[in-house]
N, C-alpha and C. Protein backbone atom coordinates (compact mmCIF):
# COMPACT_ATOMS: atom_id res chain seq x y z
N MET A 1 -9.17 158.56 117.48
CA MET A 1 -9.39 159.51 116.40
C MET A 1 -10.77 160.13 116.57
N LEU A 2 -10.83 161.46 116.46
CA LEU A 2 -12.08 162.20 116.59
C LEU A 2 -12.60 162.53 115.20
N ASN A 3 -13.71 161.91 114.80
CA ASN A 3 -14.32 162.16 113.50
C ASN A 3 -15.72 162.73 113.71
N ILE A 4 -15.90 163.97 113.24
CA ILE A 4 -17.15 164.68 113.46
C ILE A 4 -17.84 164.95 112.13
N VAL A 5 -19.14 164.70 112.09
CA VAL A 5 -19.96 165.14 110.96
C VAL A 5 -20.62 166.43 111.42
N LEU A 6 -20.30 167.53 110.74
CA LEU A 6 -20.92 168.82 111.03
C LEU A 6 -22.05 168.98 110.04
N PHE A 7 -23.26 169.10 110.55
CA PHE A 7 -24.46 168.95 109.76
C PHE A 7 -25.34 170.18 109.85
N GLY A 8 -26.12 170.42 108.85
CA GLY A 8 -27.07 171.52 108.85
C GLY A 8 -27.35 171.95 107.43
N PRO A 9 -28.41 172.70 107.24
CA PRO A 9 -28.78 173.14 105.90
C PRO A 9 -27.77 174.14 105.33
N PRO A 10 -27.83 174.41 104.03
CA PRO A 10 -26.95 175.41 103.44
C PRO A 10 -27.12 176.74 104.17
N GLY A 11 -26.00 177.36 104.54
CA GLY A 11 -26.04 178.64 105.22
C GLY A 11 -26.10 178.54 106.74
N ALA A 12 -26.04 177.34 107.29
CA ALA A 12 -26.13 177.18 108.75
C ALA A 12 -24.86 177.61 109.47
N GLY A 13 -23.76 177.76 108.73
CA GLY A 13 -22.50 178.18 109.35
C GLY A 13 -21.50 177.06 109.53
N LYS A 14 -21.70 175.96 108.82
CA LYS A 14 -20.82 174.80 108.98
C LYS A 14 -19.37 175.15 108.66
N GLY A 15 -19.12 175.83 107.55
CA GLY A 15 -17.75 176.15 107.15
C GLY A 15 -17.05 177.05 108.16
N THR A 16 -17.76 178.07 108.63
CA THR A 16 -17.20 178.99 109.62
C THR A 16 -16.82 178.26 110.90
N GLN A 17 -17.73 177.43 111.39
CA GLN A 17 -17.47 176.71 112.64
C GLN A 17 -16.42 175.61 112.45
N ALA A 18 -16.42 174.99 111.29
CA ALA A 18 -15.43 173.94 111.03
C ALA A 18 -14.02 174.49 111.16
N GLU A 19 -13.78 175.70 110.64
CA GLU A 19 -12.44 176.29 110.71
C GLU A 19 -11.99 176.45 112.16
N LYS A 20 -12.89 176.86 113.03
CA LYS A 20 -12.56 177.04 114.44
C LYS A 20 -12.32 175.68 115.13
N LEU A 21 -13.13 174.70 114.77
CA LEU A 21 -12.98 173.36 115.37
C LEU A 21 -11.67 172.70 114.92
N ILE A 22 -11.29 172.91 113.68
CA ILE A 22 -10.04 172.36 113.15
C ILE A 22 -8.87 172.82 114.00
N SER A 23 -8.85 174.11 114.28
CA SER A 23 -7.76 174.70 115.06
C SER A 23 -7.74 174.14 116.48
N LYS A 24 -8.90 174.09 117.12
CA LYS A 24 -8.97 173.63 118.52
C LYS A 24 -8.64 172.15 118.68
N TYR A 25 -9.17 171.31 117.79
CA TYR A 25 -9.03 169.86 117.96
C TYR A 25 -8.01 169.23 117.00
N ASN A 26 -7.32 170.05 116.20
CA ASN A 26 -6.29 169.58 115.27
C ASN A 26 -6.85 168.53 114.30
N LEU A 27 -7.94 168.90 113.63
CA LEU A 27 -8.61 168.00 112.70
C LEU A 27 -8.40 168.46 111.26
N VAL A 28 -8.64 167.55 110.33
CA VAL A 28 -8.60 167.88 108.90
C VAL A 28 -10.04 168.13 108.45
N HIS A 29 -10.25 169.27 107.80
CA HIS A 29 -11.58 169.66 107.33
C HIS A 29 -11.83 169.09 105.95
N LEU A 30 -12.86 168.28 105.83
CA LEU A 30 -13.26 167.73 104.54
C LEU A 30 -14.63 168.27 104.20
N SER A 31 -14.65 169.34 103.43
CA SER A 31 -15.89 169.96 102.99
C SER A 31 -16.20 169.50 101.58
N THR A 32 -17.33 168.83 101.42
CA THR A 32 -17.67 168.37 100.07
C THR A 32 -17.79 169.57 99.13
N GLY A 33 -18.30 170.68 99.64
CA GLY A 33 -18.40 171.89 98.81
C GLY A 33 -17.04 172.33 98.31
N ASP A 34 -16.05 172.38 99.21
CA ASP A 34 -14.68 172.77 98.82
C ASP A 34 -14.08 171.76 97.86
N ILE A 35 -14.31 170.48 98.14
CA ILE A 35 -13.77 169.41 97.27
C ILE A 35 -14.40 169.51 95.89
N PHE A 36 -15.73 169.75 95.85
CA PHE A 36 -16.41 169.92 94.57
C PHE A 36 -15.83 171.12 93.82
N ARG A 37 -15.71 172.26 94.53
CA ARG A 37 -15.22 173.48 93.87
C ARG A 37 -13.80 173.29 93.34
N ALA A 38 -12.94 172.60 94.09
CA ALA A 38 -11.57 172.35 93.62
C ALA A 38 -11.59 171.48 92.36
N ASN A 39 -12.46 170.47 92.35
CA ASN A 39 -12.57 169.61 91.18
C ASN A 39 -13.19 170.35 90.00
N ILE A 40 -14.16 171.23 90.29
CA ILE A 40 -14.79 172.02 89.23
C ILE A 40 -13.78 173.00 88.65
N LYS A 41 -13.05 173.69 89.54
CA LYS A 41 -12.04 174.65 89.08
C LYS A 41 -10.96 173.95 88.27
N GLY A 42 -10.58 172.74 88.71
CA GLY A 42 -9.57 171.96 88.00
C GLY A 42 -10.11 171.28 86.75
N LYS A 43 -11.42 171.45 86.53
CA LYS A 43 -12.10 170.87 85.37
C LYS A 43 -11.86 169.37 85.24
N THR A 44 -11.87 168.69 86.41
CA THR A 44 -11.75 167.24 86.39
C THR A 44 -13.06 166.66 85.86
N GLU A 45 -13.02 165.41 85.48
CA GLU A 45 -14.23 164.75 84.98
C GLU A 45 -15.32 164.75 86.06
N LEU A 46 -14.94 164.41 87.31
CA LEU A 46 -15.91 164.39 88.40
C LEU A 46 -16.40 165.81 88.70
N GLY A 47 -15.52 166.79 88.58
CA GLY A 47 -15.89 168.18 88.83
C GLY A 47 -16.91 168.70 87.84
N THR A 48 -16.74 168.39 86.57
CA THR A 48 -17.68 168.82 85.53
C THR A 48 -19.06 168.19 85.77
N LEU A 49 -19.05 166.92 86.14
CA LEU A 49 -20.30 166.23 86.42
C LEU A 49 -20.98 166.83 87.66
N ALA A 50 -20.20 167.07 88.71
CA ALA A 50 -20.75 167.65 89.94
C ALA A 50 -21.36 169.03 89.68
N LYS A 51 -20.71 169.83 88.84
CA LYS A 51 -21.17 171.19 88.56
C LYS A 51 -22.58 171.21 87.96
N SER A 52 -22.88 170.26 87.10
CA SER A 52 -24.20 170.23 86.47
C SER A 52 -25.30 170.04 87.51
N TYR A 53 -25.03 169.27 88.55
CA TYR A 53 -26.01 169.06 89.61
C TYR A 53 -26.09 170.28 90.54
N ILE A 54 -24.94 170.79 90.95
CA ILE A 54 -24.88 171.93 91.87
C ILE A 54 -25.59 173.15 91.28
N ASP A 55 -25.35 173.43 90.00
CA ASP A 55 -25.94 174.60 89.36
C ASP A 55 -27.47 174.55 89.35
N ALA A 56 -28.02 173.35 89.38
CA ALA A 56 -29.48 173.20 89.40
C ALA A 56 -30.03 173.16 90.83
N GLY A 57 -29.12 173.24 91.83
CA GLY A 57 -29.54 173.20 93.22
C GLY A 57 -29.83 171.80 93.72
N ASN A 58 -29.33 170.79 92.99
CA ASN A 58 -29.55 169.39 93.37
C ASN A 58 -28.32 168.78 94.00
N LEU A 59 -28.50 167.63 94.64
CA LEU A 59 -27.38 166.91 95.23
C LEU A 59 -26.58 166.18 94.15
N VAL A 60 -25.28 166.12 94.36
CA VAL A 60 -24.41 165.35 93.48
C VAL A 60 -24.62 163.87 93.81
N PRO A 61 -24.67 162.99 92.79
CA PRO A 61 -24.89 161.56 93.06
C PRO A 61 -23.86 160.96 94.02
N ASP A 62 -24.30 160.01 94.82
CA ASP A 62 -23.46 159.40 95.85
C ASP A 62 -22.12 158.91 95.34
N GLU A 63 -22.13 158.19 94.23
CA GLU A 63 -20.87 157.58 93.77
C GLU A 63 -19.82 158.64 93.44
N VAL A 64 -20.24 159.79 92.92
CA VAL A 64 -19.31 160.87 92.60
C VAL A 64 -18.77 161.48 93.90
N THR A 65 -19.66 161.77 94.81
CA THR A 65 -19.28 162.38 96.08
C THR A 65 -18.34 161.47 96.86
N ILE A 66 -18.68 160.20 96.96
CA ILE A 66 -17.90 159.25 97.74
C ILE A 66 -16.49 159.09 97.17
N LYS A 67 -16.37 159.01 95.86
CA LYS A 67 -15.04 158.87 95.24
C LYS A 67 -14.16 160.07 95.56
N MET A 68 -14.75 161.28 95.49
CA MET A 68 -13.98 162.48 95.80
C MET A 68 -13.53 162.48 97.27
N LEU A 69 -14.44 162.12 98.17
CA LEU A 69 -14.16 162.15 99.60
C LEU A 69 -13.13 161.10 100.01
N GLU A 70 -13.26 159.89 99.50
CA GLU A 70 -12.30 158.83 99.83
C GLU A 70 -10.89 159.24 99.43
N SER A 71 -10.76 159.89 98.29
CA SER A 71 -9.46 160.35 97.83
C SER A 71 -8.85 161.34 98.83
N GLU A 72 -9.68 162.23 99.36
CA GLU A 72 -9.19 163.22 100.33
C GLU A 72 -8.79 162.57 101.66
N VAL A 73 -9.56 161.61 102.14
CA VAL A 73 -9.21 160.90 103.38
C VAL A 73 -7.88 160.19 103.19
N ASP A 74 -7.72 159.52 102.06
CA ASP A 74 -6.49 158.77 101.79
C ASP A 74 -5.26 159.68 101.77
N LYS A 75 -5.44 160.95 101.42
CA LYS A 75 -4.32 161.91 101.40
C LYS A 75 -3.92 162.34 102.81
N ASN A 76 -4.77 162.07 103.82
CA ASN A 76 -4.56 162.57 105.18
C ASN A 76 -4.65 161.47 106.24
N LEU A 77 -4.08 160.31 105.96
CA LEU A 77 -4.24 159.17 106.87
C LEU A 77 -3.56 159.35 108.22
N ALA A 78 -2.62 160.29 108.34
CA ALA A 78 -1.94 160.52 109.61
C ALA A 78 -2.68 161.51 110.50
N ALA A 79 -3.84 161.98 110.06
CA ALA A 79 -4.60 162.99 110.80
C ALA A 79 -5.09 162.47 112.15
N GLU A 80 -5.30 163.40 113.10
CA GLU A 80 -5.86 163.05 114.41
C GLU A 80 -7.37 162.86 114.32
N GLY A 81 -7.95 163.27 113.20
CA GLY A 81 -9.38 163.13 112.99
C GLY A 81 -9.83 164.04 111.87
N PHE A 82 -11.11 163.94 111.56
CA PHE A 82 -11.67 164.70 110.44
C PHE A 82 -12.97 165.37 110.85
N ILE A 83 -13.23 166.51 110.21
CA ILE A 83 -14.56 167.11 110.25
C ILE A 83 -15.14 166.92 108.86
N PHE A 84 -16.23 166.20 108.79
CA PHE A 84 -16.94 166.01 107.53
C PHE A 84 -18.03 167.07 107.45
N ASP A 85 -17.88 167.98 106.50
CA ASP A 85 -18.77 169.13 106.35
C ASP A 85 -19.54 168.96 105.04
N GLY A 86 -20.85 168.75 105.17
CA GLY A 86 -21.67 168.57 103.97
C GLY A 86 -21.76 167.13 103.51
N PHE A 87 -21.27 166.21 104.32
CA PHE A 87 -21.30 164.79 103.99
C PHE A 87 -21.29 164.01 105.29
N PRO A 88 -22.06 162.97 105.41
CA PRO A 88 -22.99 162.40 104.45
C PRO A 88 -24.31 163.17 104.42
N ARG A 89 -24.98 163.12 103.27
CA ARG A 89 -26.26 163.80 103.12
C ARG A 89 -27.42 162.82 102.94
N THR A 90 -27.12 161.56 102.81
CA THR A 90 -28.15 160.53 102.69
C THR A 90 -27.75 159.35 103.56
N THR A 91 -28.71 158.50 103.89
CA THR A 91 -28.40 157.31 104.67
C THR A 91 -27.43 156.41 103.90
N THR A 92 -27.60 156.33 102.59
CA THR A 92 -26.69 155.54 101.75
C THR A 92 -25.26 156.06 101.87
N GLN A 93 -25.09 157.39 101.86
CA GLN A 93 -23.76 157.98 102.02
C GLN A 93 -23.21 157.69 103.41
N ALA A 94 -24.07 157.78 104.44
CA ALA A 94 -23.63 157.51 105.82
C ALA A 94 -23.13 156.07 105.94
N GLU A 95 -23.86 155.14 105.34
CA GLU A 95 -23.45 153.73 105.37
C GLU A 95 -22.14 153.54 104.62
N ALA A 96 -21.99 154.20 103.46
CA ALA A 96 -20.75 154.10 102.68
C ALA A 96 -19.58 154.69 103.45
N LEU A 97 -19.80 155.81 104.14
CA LEU A 97 -18.75 156.44 104.94
C LEU A 97 -18.34 155.53 106.09
N GLU A 98 -19.31 154.95 106.79
CA GLU A 98 -19.01 154.02 107.89
C GLU A 98 -18.18 152.85 107.40
N SER A 99 -18.56 152.29 106.26
CA SER A 99 -17.83 151.15 105.70
C SER A 99 -16.41 151.55 105.34
N PHE A 100 -16.26 152.71 104.71
CA PHE A 100 -14.94 153.19 104.33
C PHE A 100 -14.08 153.46 105.56
N LEU A 101 -14.64 154.15 106.57
CA LEU A 101 -13.86 154.45 107.79
C LEU A 101 -13.50 153.17 108.54
N LYS A 102 -14.40 152.21 108.56
CA LYS A 102 -14.12 150.94 109.22
C LYS A 102 -12.90 150.27 108.56
N SER A 103 -12.79 150.40 107.24
CA SER A 103 -11.63 149.83 106.54
C SER A 103 -10.34 150.54 106.95
N LYS A 104 -10.46 151.74 107.52
CA LYS A 104 -9.31 152.51 108.02
C LYS A 104 -9.20 152.39 109.55
N GLU A 105 -10.00 151.48 110.13
CA GLU A 105 -10.03 151.19 111.57
C GLU A 105 -10.44 152.38 112.42
N THR A 106 -11.45 153.11 111.95
CA THR A 106 -12.02 154.22 112.70
C THR A 106 -13.50 154.33 112.35
N SER A 107 -14.19 155.31 112.92
CA SER A 107 -15.61 155.52 112.63
C SER A 107 -15.99 156.96 112.99
N ILE A 108 -17.22 157.33 112.71
CA ILE A 108 -17.72 158.65 113.10
C ILE A 108 -17.91 158.66 114.61
N SER A 109 -17.37 159.69 115.26
CA SER A 109 -17.51 159.84 116.71
C SER A 109 -18.82 160.51 117.07
N LEU A 110 -19.19 161.55 116.29
CA LEU A 110 -20.33 162.37 116.64
C LEU A 110 -20.83 163.14 115.43
N MET A 111 -22.15 163.26 115.31
CA MET A 111 -22.75 164.14 114.31
C MET A 111 -23.41 165.28 115.07
N ILE A 112 -23.03 166.51 114.69
CA ILE A 112 -23.61 167.70 115.32
C ILE A 112 -24.34 168.49 114.25
N ALA A 113 -25.62 168.76 114.50
CA ALA A 113 -26.44 169.53 113.57
C ALA A 113 -26.61 170.95 114.08
N LEU A 114 -26.36 171.93 113.20
CA LEU A 114 -26.61 173.33 113.51
C LEU A 114 -28.05 173.64 113.11
N ASN A 115 -28.86 174.06 114.06
CA ASN A 115 -30.27 174.32 113.83
C ASN A 115 -30.49 175.81 113.58
N VAL A 116 -30.97 176.15 112.36
CA VAL A 116 -31.18 177.55 111.95
C VAL A 116 -32.50 177.62 111.18
N SER A 117 -33.29 178.68 111.42
CA SER A 117 -34.58 178.83 110.74
C SER A 117 -34.38 179.08 109.24
N GLU A 118 -35.40 178.72 108.45
CA GLU A 118 -35.32 178.89 106.99
C GLU A 118 -35.16 180.36 106.60
N GLN A 119 -35.86 181.25 107.27
CA GLN A 119 -35.75 182.68 106.95
C GLN A 119 -34.33 183.18 107.16
N GLU A 120 -33.70 182.75 108.25
CA GLU A 120 -32.32 183.15 108.54
C GLU A 120 -31.36 182.57 107.51
N LEU A 121 -31.59 181.33 107.09
CA LEU A 121 -30.74 180.69 106.08
C LEU A 121 -30.78 181.47 104.77
N ILE A 122 -31.97 181.83 104.32
CA ILE A 122 -32.12 182.57 103.06
C ILE A 122 -31.39 183.91 103.16
N LYS A 123 -31.57 184.59 104.28
CA LYS A 123 -30.89 185.88 104.49
C LYS A 123 -29.36 185.72 104.43
N ARG A 124 -28.84 184.71 105.13
CA ARG A 124 -27.39 184.46 105.16
C ARG A 124 -26.85 184.13 103.77
N LEU A 125 -27.57 183.27 103.05
CA LEU A 125 -27.08 182.82 101.75
C LEU A 125 -27.11 183.95 100.72
N LEU A 126 -28.14 184.76 100.73
CA LEU A 126 -28.19 185.89 99.80
C LEU A 126 -27.04 186.86 100.08
N LEU A 127 -26.74 187.08 101.35
CA LEU A 127 -25.63 187.94 101.73
C LEU A 127 -24.30 187.32 101.29
N ARG A 128 -24.15 186.02 101.52
CA ARG A 128 -22.94 185.33 101.10
C ARG A 128 -22.79 185.37 99.58
N GLY A 129 -23.91 185.26 98.85
CA GLY A 129 -23.87 185.31 97.39
C GLY A 129 -23.34 186.62 96.86
N LYS A 130 -23.65 187.72 97.55
CA LYS A 130 -23.14 189.03 97.14
C LYS A 130 -21.63 189.11 97.28
N ASP A 131 -21.09 188.48 98.34
CA ASP A 131 -19.66 188.54 98.61
C ASP A 131 -18.87 187.49 97.83
N SER A 132 -19.43 186.30 97.68
CA SER A 132 -18.67 185.17 97.11
C SER A 132 -18.77 185.05 95.60
N GLY A 133 -19.85 185.59 95.04
CA GLY A 133 -20.06 185.43 93.61
C GLY A 133 -20.57 184.05 93.24
N ARG A 134 -20.90 183.22 94.25
CA ARG A 134 -21.41 181.88 93.97
C ARG A 134 -22.83 181.96 93.42
N ALA A 135 -23.04 181.40 92.24
CA ALA A 135 -24.36 181.46 91.60
C ALA A 135 -25.43 180.77 92.44
N ASP A 136 -25.07 179.71 93.16
CA ASP A 136 -26.07 178.98 93.95
C ASP A 136 -26.50 179.74 95.20
N ASP A 137 -25.80 180.85 95.53
CA ASP A 137 -26.18 181.68 96.67
C ASP A 137 -26.84 183.00 96.26
N ALA A 138 -26.92 183.27 94.97
CA ALA A 138 -27.42 184.57 94.51
C ALA A 138 -28.90 184.55 94.14
N ASN A 139 -29.48 183.38 93.99
CA ASN A 139 -30.85 183.25 93.52
C ASN A 139 -31.72 182.65 94.62
N GLU A 140 -32.71 183.41 95.07
CA GLU A 140 -33.55 182.95 96.19
C GLU A 140 -34.30 181.66 95.86
N GLU A 141 -34.69 181.49 94.60
CA GLU A 141 -35.40 180.27 94.20
C GLU A 141 -34.49 179.04 94.30
N VAL A 142 -33.24 179.19 93.88
CA VAL A 142 -32.27 178.09 93.98
C VAL A 142 -31.98 177.79 95.45
N ILE A 143 -31.85 178.85 96.25
CA ILE A 143 -31.62 178.68 97.69
C ILE A 143 -32.78 177.90 98.32
N ALA A 144 -34.01 178.32 98.02
CA ALA A 144 -35.19 177.64 98.58
C ALA A 144 -35.21 176.17 98.17
N ASN A 145 -34.82 175.89 96.92
CA ASN A 145 -34.76 174.50 96.45
C ASN A 145 -33.70 173.72 97.22
N ARG A 146 -32.54 174.33 97.47
CA ARG A 146 -31.47 173.65 98.22
C ARG A 146 -31.94 173.31 99.63
N ILE A 147 -32.64 174.25 100.26
CA ILE A 147 -33.14 174.01 101.62
C ILE A 147 -34.20 172.91 101.61
N GLU A 148 -35.06 172.94 100.60
CA GLU A 148 -36.10 171.90 100.48
C GLU A 148 -35.47 170.52 100.26
N VAL A 149 -34.46 170.45 99.40
CA VAL A 149 -33.74 169.19 99.16
C VAL A 149 -33.12 168.70 100.47
N TYR A 150 -32.51 169.62 101.21
CA TYR A 150 -31.92 169.26 102.51
C TYR A 150 -32.99 168.67 103.43
N ASN A 151 -34.11 169.38 103.56
CA ASN A 151 -35.17 168.93 104.47
C ASN A 151 -35.74 167.58 104.07
N GLU A 152 -35.92 167.37 102.77
CA GLU A 152 -36.54 166.12 102.29
C GLU A 152 -35.58 164.94 102.30
N GLN A 153 -34.34 165.19 101.90
CA GLN A 153 -33.44 164.07 101.64
C GLN A 153 -32.33 163.89 102.67
N THR A 154 -31.87 164.97 103.28
CA THR A 154 -30.69 164.83 104.12
C THR A 154 -30.96 164.81 105.61
N ALA A 155 -32.05 165.41 106.06
CA ALA A 155 -32.33 165.45 107.49
C ALA A 155 -32.51 164.03 108.05
N VAL A 156 -32.87 163.06 107.21
CA VAL A 156 -33.05 161.68 107.67
C VAL A 156 -31.73 161.05 108.13
N VAL A 157 -30.60 161.60 107.71
CA VAL A 157 -29.31 161.07 108.13
C VAL A 157 -29.14 161.19 109.64
N ALA A 158 -29.78 162.19 110.22
CA ALA A 158 -29.73 162.35 111.68
C ALA A 158 -30.23 161.08 112.37
N ASP A 159 -31.25 160.47 111.82
CA ASP A 159 -31.78 159.23 112.41
C ASP A 159 -30.73 158.12 112.42
N PHE A 160 -29.94 158.05 111.35
CA PHE A 160 -28.89 157.03 111.25
C PHE A 160 -27.93 157.13 112.44
N TYR A 161 -27.50 158.36 112.75
CA TYR A 161 -26.56 158.56 113.85
C TYR A 161 -27.26 158.58 115.21
N ASN A 162 -28.51 159.00 115.24
CA ASN A 162 -29.26 159.02 116.50
C ASN A 162 -29.42 157.61 117.05
N THR A 163 -29.65 156.63 116.18
CA THR A 163 -29.80 155.24 116.64
C THR A 163 -28.50 154.70 117.23
N GLN A 164 -27.38 155.37 116.90
CA GLN A 164 -26.07 154.96 117.44
C GLN A 164 -25.64 155.85 118.62
N ASN A 165 -26.55 156.72 119.08
CA ASN A 165 -26.25 157.68 120.15
C ASN A 165 -25.08 158.59 119.78
N LYS A 166 -25.02 158.97 118.51
CA LYS A 166 -23.94 159.84 118.02
C LYS A 166 -24.47 161.15 117.44
N PHE A 167 -25.73 161.50 117.75
CA PHE A 167 -26.34 162.70 117.17
C PHE A 167 -26.64 163.74 118.23
N GLU A 168 -26.24 164.99 117.98
CA GLU A 168 -26.55 166.12 118.85
C GLU A 168 -26.98 167.29 117.98
N LYS A 169 -28.01 168.01 118.43
CA LYS A 169 -28.47 169.21 117.73
C LYS A 169 -28.18 170.41 118.61
N ILE A 170 -27.59 171.46 118.01
CA ILE A 170 -27.34 172.68 118.78
C ILE A 170 -27.94 173.88 118.05
N ASP A 171 -28.18 174.93 118.81
CA ASP A 171 -28.73 176.16 118.28
C ASP A 171 -27.66 176.85 117.43
N GLY A 172 -27.97 177.08 116.14
CA GLY A 172 -27.04 177.72 115.22
C GLY A 172 -27.25 179.21 115.08
N ILE A 173 -28.00 179.81 116.00
CA ILE A 173 -28.25 181.26 115.99
C ILE A 173 -27.45 181.89 117.13
N GLY A 174 -26.84 183.05 116.84
CA GLY A 174 -26.06 183.76 117.84
C GLY A 174 -24.73 184.17 117.23
N SER A 175 -23.85 184.65 118.08
CA SER A 175 -22.53 185.05 117.58
C SER A 175 -21.72 183.80 117.21
N ILE A 176 -20.74 184.00 116.37
CA ILE A 176 -19.87 182.88 115.97
C ILE A 176 -19.26 182.24 117.21
N ASP A 177 -18.81 183.06 118.15
CA ASP A 177 -18.18 182.52 119.37
C ASP A 177 -19.17 181.78 120.26
N ASP A 178 -20.41 182.27 120.34
CA ASP A 178 -21.43 181.57 121.14
C ASP A 178 -21.71 180.19 120.57
N ILE A 179 -21.87 180.13 119.25
CA ILE A 179 -22.13 178.85 118.58
C ILE A 179 -20.94 177.91 118.76
N PHE A 180 -19.73 178.47 118.61
CA PHE A 180 -18.51 177.67 118.79
C PHE A 180 -18.44 177.09 120.20
N GLY A 181 -18.79 177.89 121.19
CA GLY A 181 -18.80 177.42 122.57
C GLY A 181 -19.75 176.24 122.76
N ARG A 182 -20.93 176.35 122.15
CA ARG A 182 -21.90 175.24 122.25
C ARG A 182 -21.36 173.98 121.57
N LEU A 183 -20.69 174.17 120.42
CA LEU A 183 -20.09 173.02 119.72
C LEU A 183 -19.02 172.35 120.58
N CYS A 184 -18.12 173.14 121.15
CA CYS A 184 -17.04 172.58 121.97
C CYS A 184 -17.58 171.85 123.19
N ASP A 185 -18.58 172.45 123.85
CA ASP A 185 -19.18 171.79 125.01
C ASP A 185 -19.75 170.43 124.61
N THR A 186 -20.42 170.38 123.47
CA THR A 186 -21.02 169.13 122.99
C THR A 186 -19.94 168.09 122.70
N ILE A 187 -18.87 168.50 122.01
CA ILE A 187 -17.78 167.58 121.68
C ILE A 187 -17.08 167.09 122.94
N ASP A 188 -16.76 168.02 123.83
CA ASP A 188 -16.03 167.65 125.05
C ASP A 188 -16.87 166.73 125.94
N ASN A 189 -18.17 167.02 126.06
CA ASN A 189 -19.05 166.16 126.85
C ASN A 189 -19.15 164.77 126.23
N HIS A 190 -19.18 164.69 124.91
CA HIS A 190 -19.26 163.40 124.23
C HIS A 190 -17.97 162.60 124.44
N LYS A 191 -16.82 163.29 124.34
CA LYS A 191 -15.53 162.62 124.53
C LYS A 191 -15.41 162.03 125.94
N VAL A 192 -15.93 162.76 126.93
CA VAL A 192 -15.89 162.29 128.33
C VAL A 192 -16.76 161.05 128.51
N SER A 193 -17.89 161.01 127.78
CA SER A 193 -18.82 159.88 127.95
C SER A 193 -18.37 158.63 127.21
N LEU A 194 -17.34 158.73 126.37
CA LEU A 194 -16.87 157.55 125.63
C LEU A 194 -16.06 156.62 126.52
């Protein structure tokens, strides 16, 4: 089973690239953002709670995120693998994910981080906010806070996977196809080395 953590700050292009990787490697895409939005739209108890954190540009607490994600994995147990997009964001979440996947007799194969400058991220998110109507993408101050939260709290997760030789960083600047090519090369090279 191929399980990939697609990592990077808000606006790095994780969702765009995940869609292409899903098609190529026949994986199930688990985006915490999409899962949150579905729960928020459905006005579930967890969705309402998650919304209060997201609207302030903060991370949703681990226990809420993990419960939502485990439910989605359980719905797709016959999958050839998963792309985890936006999760884990903390070492605690990474440890919880490893424990949960181990109970399903699998683990994370590789974490790939998309590296994009802060100026480019702000530009991308403001543009996305105009098209999507997402409040968290329309305000530069909220965007800057999201990037700061990522840098302070989530970038340390790379260390968790780096100590397991499961971390790769790629350049997230360029055309969608160029970035996709770099992702595929990284995945294919990792699969060969296993």
